[in-house]
Amino acid sequence: MAATPAPFAGFEWMIAWRYLRARRAEGGVSVMTWISLIGITLAVFALIATLAVRSGFRAEFVDTILGANAHATVYTMGEVNQVTGRMDRTIEDYREMADRVRDVPGVTRVAPLIKGQVMASVSGRNAGVEVFGIAPGDLRTIPRIADPEEARGDIGRFDQGIAIGSGVARELGLRVGEQIRLISPDGVKTAFGTSPRIKAYEVTYIFTAGRYDIDRTRVYLPFDEAQAYFNREGLADELEVMLEHPEQVEQIERALLEAAGPGTQVWSWRDASGGFLRALDIEDNVMFVILSILVLIAAMNIVSGLIMLVKNKGRDIGILRTMGLTEGSVLRVFFICGAFTGLIGTAAGVALGCLFAIYIDPVFSFVNYIAGGGVWDPAVRGIYQLPAQLRLADVASAVVLSLGLSFVVTIFPARRAARMNPVEALRYE
């Protein structure tokens, strides 16, 4: 008895390859193959490009948060000032509290801060800014400030003046070495009430942190000067805490509270941006589902092509069956036809998607040029450019999805071909 050939034998690949190269005279099968191939390519390209932009946007957003803001903030619950009637949240023993928090495992730095909102003025041009009073040594440990995307001036002269964001400098027309006036309504207390405080400072450092809202509003003052300016002599408003692993901030919050003492609270970067991050997660899932449907639609083109191929090759199928080909061999021949189309389309889509992610800057610049500019508004998006980050998990998920759908939808028309009765196929030949 003749041995049964192994699955996916060489002759099965040869027949499938012959069918894939079918010409116009054989029913236009090659045209349908090209349509299926292009559809899969574009769908996988769109999926990988979207996943890369999604990952890049999230990574850039989180990086700008962690690179220019506290990973966690410790402040007091406060009490009502009997004189002013206002809630007082200042910290008197901030040095001792900072030493206790600094000893918590996983904490890399603790810096007392003074915070306040004032108006900045230069030659009749005004802008609202947020002032952070911080020690010069602590400022040099903030990654996005000490090592920003762009910088002018000398951070080493911070103790002699003021550091401002590039957005503030642009709006007020400021350059390094010029004077900026800060105007605070809560100024000098006199017998006749509180008078506004106005003081001029030399701009010694201009930074671009890479996040629009920070560059547009952030101003740093030396800690001692900020204490005097905001009437906080001997006090601090809060403690800025930097962690070795900021993604694990929830696991260290209890230890921070215990070290800070009773009457304190901790506000983490996840608390501040949690709503936006959750919105990103929801958007990510929805986009993946929508693009998965796009890949499915593209894969259905393979079904159309294979059904047409089976119809046009009915006579061939009948001849092959009478020559001894089993149903399994016929099924595998047509499965190879559809799977090969999905495989080539997926590979081409992965290549295009990866190239798009790698060269997104020139691509985006070209789109911006064609559109006449203004495609990306940093005031709305928060960051200055469209980022993209290729991750192996994203590429792998796109490949698995595309190949899985291509292989699954191929089975149905291949089974139809395998179950074709050779007598019926050859009746009218």
Protein backbone atom coordinates (compact mmCIF):
# COMPACT_ATOMS: atom_id res chain seq x y z
CA MET A 1 0.00 0.00 0.00
CA ALA A 2 1.35 3.44 -0.95
CA ALA A 3 2.33 5.61 1.99
CA THR A 4 0.10 8.62 2.71
CA PRO A 5 2.03 11.85 2.02
CA ALA A 6 2.78 14.05 5.00
CA PRO A 7 0.65 17.20 5.48
CA PHE A 8 1.84 20.25 3.56
CA ALA A 9 3.93 18.16 1.21
CA GLY A 10 5.88 19.77 -1.58
CA PHE A 11 3.29 19.11 -4.27
CA GLU A 12 0.64 20.92 -2.19
CA TRP A 13 2.84 24.02 -2.02
CA MET A 14 3.51 23.75 -5.78
CA ILE A 15 -0.21 23.64 -6.64
CA ALA A 16 -1.01 26.49 -4.25
CA TRP A 17 1.76 28.64 -5.72
CA ARG A 18 0.42 27.91 -9.22
CA TYR A 19 -3.06 29.07 -8.21
CA LEU A 20 -1.71 32.23 -6.57
CA ARG A 21 -0.08 33.18 -9.89
CA ALA A 22 -3.33 32.69 -11.86
CA ARG A 23 -3.65 35.07 -14.78
CA ARG A 24 -6.47 37.23 -16.07
CA ALA A 25 -7.67 34.51 -18.46
CA GLU A 26 -8.34 32.26 -15.46
CA GLY A 27 -10.99 34.44 -13.91
CA GLY A 28 -9.14 37.40 -12.46
CA VAL A 29 -8.03 35.48 -9.39
CA SER A 30 -4.71 37.31 -9.26
CA VAL A 31 -6.57 40.63 -9.04
CA MET A 32 -8.53 39.42 -6.01
CA THR A 33 -5.30 38.19 -4.47
CA TRP A 34 -3.76 41.63 -4.84
CA ILE A 35 -6.83 43.29 -3.35
CA SER A 36 -6.67 40.96 -0.34
CA LEU A 37 -2.95 41.54 0.03
CA ILE A 38 -3.25 45.33 -0.06
CA GLY A 39 -6.20 45.26 2.36
CA ILE A 40 -4.31 43.22 4.96
CA THR A 41 -1.20 45.39 4.51
CA LEU A 42 -3.06 48.65 5.10
CA ALA A 43 -5.04 47.26 8.04
CA VAL A 44 -1.92 45.97 9.84
CA PHE A 45 -0.09 49.22 9.04
CA ALA A 46 -2.93 51.25 10.56
CA LEU A 47 -3.03 49.02 13.64
CA ILE A 48 0.73 49.18 14.31
CA ALA A 49 0.90 52.93 13.61
CA THR A 50 -1.98 53.58 16.01
CA LEU A 51 -0.51 51.36 18.72
CA ALA A 52 2.90 53.05 18.35
CA VAL A 53 1.43 56.55 18.59
CA ARG A 54 -0.72 55.48 21.51
CA SER A 55 2.28 54.06 23.37
CA GLY A 56 4.44 57.07 22.51
CA PHE A 57 1.83 59.56 23.65
CA ARG A 58 1.32 57.77 26.93
CA ALA A 59 5.06 57.39 27.55
CA GLU A 60 5.72 61.06 26.73
CA PHE A 61 2.84 62.20 28.91
CA VAL A 62 3.98 60.13 31.89
CA ASP A 63 7.63 61.09 31.35
CA THR A 64 6.86 64.81 31.42
CA ILE A 65 4.81 64.32 34.60
CA LEU A 66 7.52 62.35 36.38
CA GLY A 67 10.34 64.45 34.99
CA ALA A 68 9.11 67.86 36.16
CA ASN A 69 6.71 67.17 39.03
CA ALA A 70 6.81 65.48 42.40
CA HIS A 71 6.14 61.75 42.39
CA ALA A 72 4.31 62.31 45.67
CA THR A 73 3.48 65.41 47.69
CA VAL A 74 3.20 65.46 51.49
CA TYR A 75 1.16 68.26 53.05
CA THR A 76 -0.80 68.86 56.23
CA MET A 77 -4.56 68.72 56.53
CA GLY A 78 -4.35 72.25 57.97
CA GLU A 79 -6.26 74.25 60.53
CA VAL A 80 -8.12 77.53 60.47
CA ASN A 81 -5.99 80.59 61.28
CA GLN A 82 -7.75 82.45 64.08
CA VAL A 83 -6.45 85.82 62.85
CA THR A 84 -7.17 85.65 59.11
CA GLY A 85 -9.91 83.02 59.19
CA ARG A 86 -8.20 81.14 56.36
CA MET A 87 -7.15 77.50 56.21
CA ASP A 88 -3.47 77.26 57.08
CA ARG A 89 -1.69 74.25 55.59
CA THR A 90 1.89 75.35 56.19
CA ILE A 91 4.44 73.00 57.78
CA GLU A 92 6.46 74.37 60.70
CA ASP A 93 8.74 71.39 61.33
CA TYR A 94 9.40 70.77 57.66
CA ARG A 95 13.09 69.97 58.18
CA GLU A 96 12.38 67.22 60.71
CA MET A 97 9.50 65.90 58.63
CA ALA A 98 11.67 65.86 55.51
CA ASP A 99 14.36 63.87 57.38
CA ARG A 100 11.79 61.26 58.46
CA VAL A 101 10.31 60.93 54.97
CA ARG A 102 13.78 60.73 53.44
CA ASP A 103 14.48 57.59 55.49
CA VAL A 104 11.57 55.70 53.91
CA PRO A 105 12.89 52.92 51.62
CA GLY A 106 12.42 53.82 47.96
CA VAL A 107 12.58 57.59 48.50
CA THR A 108 15.41 59.25 46.58
CA ARG A 109 14.84 62.93 47.46
CA VAL A 110 12.65 65.12 49.65
CA ALA A 111 12.50 68.87 49.04
CA PRO A 112 10.48 71.48 50.99
CA LEU A 113 8.48 73.71 48.67
CA ILE A 114 6.82 77.10 48.74
CA LYS A 115 4.01 77.48 46.20
CA GLY A 116 2.02 80.49 45.14
CA GLN A 117 0.27 82.06 42.17
CA VAL A 118 1.24 85.58 41.17
CA MET A 119 1.23 87.87 38.17
CA ALA A 120 4.44 88.36 36.21
CA SER A 121 4.94 91.66 34.42
CA VAL A 122 7.52 92.94 31.94
CA SER A 123 7.17 96.28 30.13
CA GLY A 124 3.38 96.28 30.29
CA ARG A 125 3.01 92.61 29.33
CA ASN A 126 1.43 90.44 32.03
CA ALA A 127 0.97 86.71 32.59
CA GLY A 128 -0.27 84.58 35.45
CA VAL A 129 2.41 82.20 36.71
CA GLU A 130 2.82 79.58 39.43
CA VAL A 131 5.87 80.10 41.63
CA PHE A 132 7.73 77.15 43.15
CA GLY A 133 10.16 78.04 45.91
CA ILE A 134 12.87 75.37 46.03
CA ALA A 135 16.47 75.08 47.14
CA PRO A 136 19.04 75.39 44.32
CA GLY A 137 20.45 71.94 45.06
CA ASP A 138 17.01 70.36 44.84
CA LEU A 139 16.23 72.13 41.55
CA ARG A 140 19.27 70.54 39.94
CA THR A 141 17.85 67.07 40.70
CA ILE A 142 14.62 67.59 38.69
CA PRO A 143 15.33 65.83 35.36
CA ARG A 144 13.17 67.90 33.01
CA ILE A 145 14.38 71.17 34.57
CA ALA A 146 18.08 70.48 35.07
CA ASP A 147 18.41 68.56 31.78
CA PRO A 148 15.56 69.92 29.61
CA GLU A 149 14.92 69.68 25.87
CA GLU A 150 16.18 73.25 25.52
CA ALA A 151 17.77 75.62 28.01
CA ARG A 152 19.21 79.10 28.09
CA GLY A 153 21.26 80.64 30.84
CA ASP A 154 23.02 78.93 33.74
CA ILE A 155 21.16 76.86 36.31
CA GLY A 156 24.17 77.31 38.56
CA ARG A 157 23.17 81.00 38.97
CA PHE A 158 19.67 80.11 40.10
CA ASP A 159 20.36 81.32 43.64
CA GLN A 160 21.04 84.80 42.21
CA GLY A 161 17.76 85.21 40.35
CA ILE A 162 14.83 83.26 38.97
CA ALA A 163 14.23 80.35 36.58
CA ILE A 164 11.26 80.49 34.21
CA GLY A 165 9.65 78.28 31.60
CA SER A 166 10.16 79.00 27.92
CA GLY A 167 6.43 79.65 27.49
CA VAL A 168 6.55 82.38 30.13
CA ALA A 169 9.63 83.88 28.49
CA ARG A 170 7.99 83.81 25.08
CA GLU A 171 4.76 85.43 26.26
CA LEU A 172 6.56 88.19 28.15
CA GLY A 173 9.36 88.64 25.61
CA LEU A 174 12.06 87.82 28.15
CA ARG A 175 15.68 86.80 27.68
CA VAL A 176 18.35 85.67 30.10
CA GLY A 177 19.73 88.59 32.11
CA GLU A 178 16.57 90.71 31.92
CA GLN A 179 14.33 91.64 34.84
CA ILE A 180 10.90 90.22 35.61
CA ARG A 181 8.52 91.63 38.19
CA LEU A 182 6.36 89.39 40.35
CA ILE A 183 3.21 90.94 41.77
CA SER A 184 1.40 89.23 44.65
CA PRO A 185 -1.81 90.53 46.25
CA ASP A 186 -0.81 88.97 49.60
CA GLY A 187 2.14 91.19 50.33
CA VAL A 188 3.26 93.37 53.18
CA LYS A 189 0.94 93.46 56.20
CA THR A 190 0.48 96.93 57.63
CA ALA A 191 -1.81 98.58 60.15
CA PHE A 192 -4.04 99.58 57.25
CA GLY A 193 -4.24 96.08 55.76
CA THR A 194 -2.25 94.05 53.28
CA SER A 195 -0.63 95.80 50.37
CA PRO A 196 0.47 94.06 47.16
CA ARG A 197 4.08 92.94 47.02
CA ILE A 198 6.07 93.81 43.90
CA LYS A 199 9.62 92.64 43.43
CA ALA A 200 11.93 92.36 40.43
CA TYR A 201 14.24 89.40 39.77
CA GLU A 202 16.91 88.70 37.18
CA VAL A 203 16.13 85.83 34.82
CA THR A 204 19.12 83.50 35.13
CA TYR A 205 17.71 80.34 33.55
CA ILE A 206 15.03 79.54 30.94
CA PHE A 207 14.00 75.89 30.50
CA THR A 208 11.77 73.87 28.15
CA ALA A 209 10.44 70.91 30.09
CA GLY A 210 8.59 69.52 27.05
CA ARG A 211 5.10 70.00 28.46
CA TYR A 212 3.17 73.07 27.39
CA ASP A 213 1.33 73.80 30.65
CA ILE A 214 4.57 73.59 32.65
CA ASP A 215 6.59 75.77 30.30
CA ARG A 216 3.74 78.27 30.08
CA THR A 217 3.18 78.76 33.83
CA ARG A 218 6.13 77.41 35.85
CA VAL A 219 8.53 79.77 37.66
CA TYR A 220 11.16 78.75 40.22
CA LEU A 221 12.44 80.97 43.04
CA PRO A 222 15.19 80.11 45.56
CA PHE A 223 13.57 78.68 48.67
CA ASP A 224 14.74 81.38 51.09
CA GLU A 225 13.62 84.14 48.74
CA ALA A 226 10.23 82.47 48.25
CA GLN A 227 9.75 82.27 52.03
CA ALA A 228 10.32 86.01 52.34
CA TYR A 229 8.22 86.88 49.29
CA PHE A 230 5.16 84.85 50.37
CA ASN A 231 5.44 85.63 54.12
CA ARG A 232 6.43 82.04 54.93
CA GLU A 233 9.44 82.71 57.20
CA GLY A 234 10.36 79.43 58.88
CA LEU A 235 7.58 77.55 57.06
CA ALA A 236 7.06 75.35 54.01
CA ASP A 237 3.86 74.68 52.10
CA GLU A 238 4.56 71.02 51.26
CA LEU A 239 7.23 68.39 50.74
CA GLU A 240 8.11 67.22 47.25
CA VAL A 241 9.01 63.52 47.28
CA MET A 242 10.86 61.73 44.49
CA LEU A 243 10.83 57.93 44.35
CA GLU A 244 13.14 55.31 42.91
CA HIS A 245 10.16 53.56 41.31
CA PRO A 246 7.38 56.12 40.80
CA GLU A 247 5.09 53.54 39.16
CA GLN A 248 4.87 51.82 42.57
CA VAL A 249 3.81 54.94 44.44
CA GLU A 250 0.64 53.31 45.81
CA GLN A 251 2.74 50.72 47.64
CA ILE A 252 4.76 53.36 49.47
CA GLU A 253 2.01 55.83 50.37
CA ARG A 254 1.30 54.27 53.77
CA ALA A 255 4.98 54.40 54.72
CA LEU A 256 5.13 58.06 53.69
CA LEU A 257 2.10 58.89 55.84
CA GLU A 258 3.56 57.10 58.85
CA ALA A 259 6.88 58.91 58.46
CA ALA A 260 5.27 62.31 57.95
CA GLY A 261 3.22 61.96 61.14
CA PRO A 262 -0.41 62.57 62.10
CA GLY A 263 -2.45 65.20 60.35
CA THR A 264 -0.70 64.76 57.00
CA GLN A 265 -1.83 63.60 53.59
CA VAL A 266 -0.10 62.25 50.50
CA TRP A 267 -1.05 63.24 46.94
CA SER A 268 0.66 61.14 44.27
CA TRP A 269 1.21 61.77 40.58
CA ARG A 270 -1.38 59.07 39.84
CA ASP A 271 -3.94 60.96 41.93
CA ALA A 272 -3.22 64.15 39.99
CA SER A 273 -3.33 62.56 36.53
CA GLY A 274 -5.33 59.41 37.20
CA GLY A 275 -8.42 60.61 35.34
CA PHE A 276 -6.45 61.35 32.19
CA LEU A 277 -4.57 58.06 32.40
CA ARG A 278 -7.82 56.12 32.80
CA ALA A 279 -9.26 57.96 29.81
CA LEU A 280 -6.17 56.94 27.82
CA ASP A 281 -6.68 53.30 28.84
CA ILE A 282 -10.30 53.36 27.71
CA GLU A 283 -9.35 55.03 24.44
CA ASP A 284 -6.59 52.46 23.89
CA ASN A 285 -9.00 49.56 24.29
CA VAL A 286 -11.64 51.11 22.04
CA MET A 287 -9.10 51.93 19.31
CA PHE A 288 -7.72 48.39 19.42
CA VAL A 289 -11.21 46.91 19.02
CA ILE A 290 -12.06 49.25 16.12
CA LEU A 291 -8.82 48.52 14.30
CA SER A 292 -9.24 44.81 14.95
CA ILE A 293 -12.55 45.02 13.10
CA LEU A 294 -10.68 46.76 10.27
CA VAL A 295 -8.23 43.85 10.12
CA LEU A 296 -11.17 41.41 10.09
CA ILE A 297 -12.79 43.24 7.19
CA ALA A 298 -9.51 43.11 5.29
CA ALA A 299 -9.18 39.40 6.06
CA MET A 300 -12.66 38.78 4.65
CA ASN A 301 -11.29 39.81 1.25
CA ILE A 302 -9.27 36.61 1.40
CA VAL A 303 -12.54 34.66 1.66
CA SER A 304 -13.88 36.41 -1.43
CA GLY A 305 -10.74 35.62 -3.38
CA LEU A 306 -10.69 31.99 -2.29
CA ILE A 307 -14.37 31.45 -3.09
CA MET A 308 -13.74 32.79 -6.60
CA LEU A 309 -10.64 30.63 -6.84
CA VAL A 310 -12.55 27.50 -5.79
CA LYS A 311 -15.30 28.27 -8.32
CA ASN A 312 -12.84 28.76 -11.18
CA LYS A 313 -10.79 25.70 -10.24
CA GLY A 314 -13.71 23.26 -9.90
CA ARG A 315 -12.50 21.25 -12.92
CA ASP A 316 -8.96 21.14 -11.52
CA ILE A 317 -10.24 19.99 -8.15
CA GLY A 318 -12.21 17.18 -9.79
CA ILE A 319 -9.15 16.03 -11.75
CA LEU A 320 -6.91 16.19 -8.69
CA ARG A 321 -9.40 14.15 -6.65
CA THR A 322 -9.65 11.48 -9.36
CA MET A 323 -5.83 11.34 -9.44
CA GLY A 324 -5.84 10.41 -5.78
CA LEU A 325 -5.61 13.66 -3.81
CA THR A 326 -7.41 13.38 -0.49
CA GLU A 327 -9.84 15.91 0.91
CA GLY A 328 -7.13 16.95 3.36
CA SER A 329 -4.66 17.67 0.57
CA VAL A 330 -7.17 19.81 -1.33
CA LEU A 331 -8.04 21.66 1.90
CA ARG A 332 -4.38 22.35 2.58
CA VAL A 333 -3.76 23.60 -0.97
CA PHE A 334 -6.42 26.29 -0.66
CA PHE A 335 -5.50 26.99 2.95
CA ILE A 336 -1.96 27.72 1.79
CA CYS A 337 -3.33 30.13 -0.83
CA GLY A 338 -5.23 32.17 1.74
CA ALA A 339 -2.67 31.91 4.53
CA PHE A 340 0.15 32.93 2.22
CA THR A 341 -1.76 36.06 1.24
CA GLY A 342 -2.34 36.91 4.92
CA LEU A 343 1.30 36.22 5.77
CA ILE A 344 2.72 38.46 3.03
CA GLY A 345 0.19 41.20 3.78
CA THR A 346 0.99 41.06 7.49
CA ALA A 347 4.74 41.25 6.85
CA ALA A 348 4.30 44.25 4.53
CA GLY A 349 2.00 45.95 7.06
CA VAL A 350 4.49 45.40 9.88
CA ALA A 351 7.28 46.89 7.77
CA LEU A 352 5.23 49.97 6.86
CA GLY A 353 4.01 50.43 10.44
CA CYS A 354 7.51 50.20 11.89
CA LEU A 355 8.89 52.64 9.31
CA PHE A 356 6.07 55.07 10.12
CA ALA A 357 6.85 54.91 13.84
CA ILE A 358 10.59 55.32 13.28
CA TYR A 359 10.26 58.23 10.85
CA ILE A 360 7.18 59.85 12.38
CA ASP A 361 8.86 63.26 12.74
CA PRO A 362 9.52 63.83 9.01
CA VAL A 363 6.13 62.29 8.16
CA PHE A 364 4.36 64.60 10.57
CA SER A 365 6.36 67.59 9.32
CA PHE A 366 5.26 66.78 5.77
CA VAL A 367 1.59 66.50 6.84
CA ASN A 368 1.89 69.77 8.76
CA TYR A 369 3.41 71.44 5.69
CA ILE A 370 0.67 70.14 3.39
CA ALA A 371 -2.02 71.31 5.83
CA GLY A 372 -0.47 74.76 6.12
CA GLY A 373 0.60 74.34 9.76
CA GLY A 374 -1.35 74.22 12.98
CA VAL A 375 -2.07 70.48 12.83
CA TRP A 376 -0.78 69.93 16.38
CA ASP A 377 -1.70 72.51 19.01
CA PRO A 378 0.45 72.03 22.15
CA ALA A 379 -1.97 74.19 24.15
CA VAL A 380 -4.58 71.44 23.66
CA ARG A 381 -2.38 68.32 23.53
CA GLY A 382 0.01 69.33 26.33
CA ILE A 383 3.11 68.14 24.45
CA TYR A 384 4.89 69.75 21.52
CA GLN A 385 4.93 66.97 18.95
CA LEU A 386 3.30 63.69 18.04
CA PRO A 387 5.36 60.92 19.64
CA ALA A 388 5.57 57.26 18.64
CA GLN A 389 7.10 54.35 20.51
CA LEU A 390 7.53 50.90 18.99
CA ARG A 391 6.95 48.15 21.51
CA LEU A 392 7.49 44.49 20.82
CA ALA A 393 4.21 43.61 22.57
CA ASP A 394 2.24 45.95 20.29
CA VAL A 395 3.83 44.59 17.11
CA ALA A 396 3.36 41.02 18.31
CA SER A 397 -0.33 41.62 19.10
CA ALA A 398 -0.89 43.07 15.63
CA VAL A 399 0.89 40.11 13.97
CA VAL A 400 -0.99 37.51 16.02
CA LEU A 401 -4.33 39.21 15.34
CA SER A 402 -3.74 39.51 11.60
CA LEU A 403 -2.37 36.01 11.07
CA GLY A 404 -4.97 34.47 13.35
CA LEU A 405 -7.86 36.08 11.46
CA SER A 406 -6.30 35.31 8.08
CA PHE A 407 -5.84 31.63 8.96
CA VAL A 408 -9.29 31.23 10.48
CA VAL A 409 -11.26 32.81 7.63
CA THR A 410 -9.27 30.75 5.11
CA ILE A 411 -10.50 27.47 6.55
CA PHE A 412 -14.11 27.86 5.42
CA PRO A 413 -13.63 28.23 1.63
CA ALA A 414 -10.82 25.64 1.82
CA ARG A 415 -13.23 23.12 3.37
CA ARG A 416 -15.75 23.87 0.64
CA ALA A 417 -13.14 23.02 -1.97
CA ALA A 418 -12.14 19.84 -0.15
CA ARG A 419 -15.74 18.58 0.05
CA MET A 420 -16.48 19.21 -3.62
CA ASN A 421 -17.74 16.07 -5.34
CA PRO A 422 -15.34 15.26 -8.23
CA VAL A 423 -18.17 13.71 -10.24
CA GLU A 424 -20.22 16.91 -10.04
CA ALA A 425 -17.13 19.00 -10.84
CA LEU A 426 -16.43 17.03 -14.04
CA ARG A 427 -20.02 16.38 -15.18
CA TYR A 428 -20.11 19.13 -17.78
CA GLU A 429 -16.42 19.03 -18.77
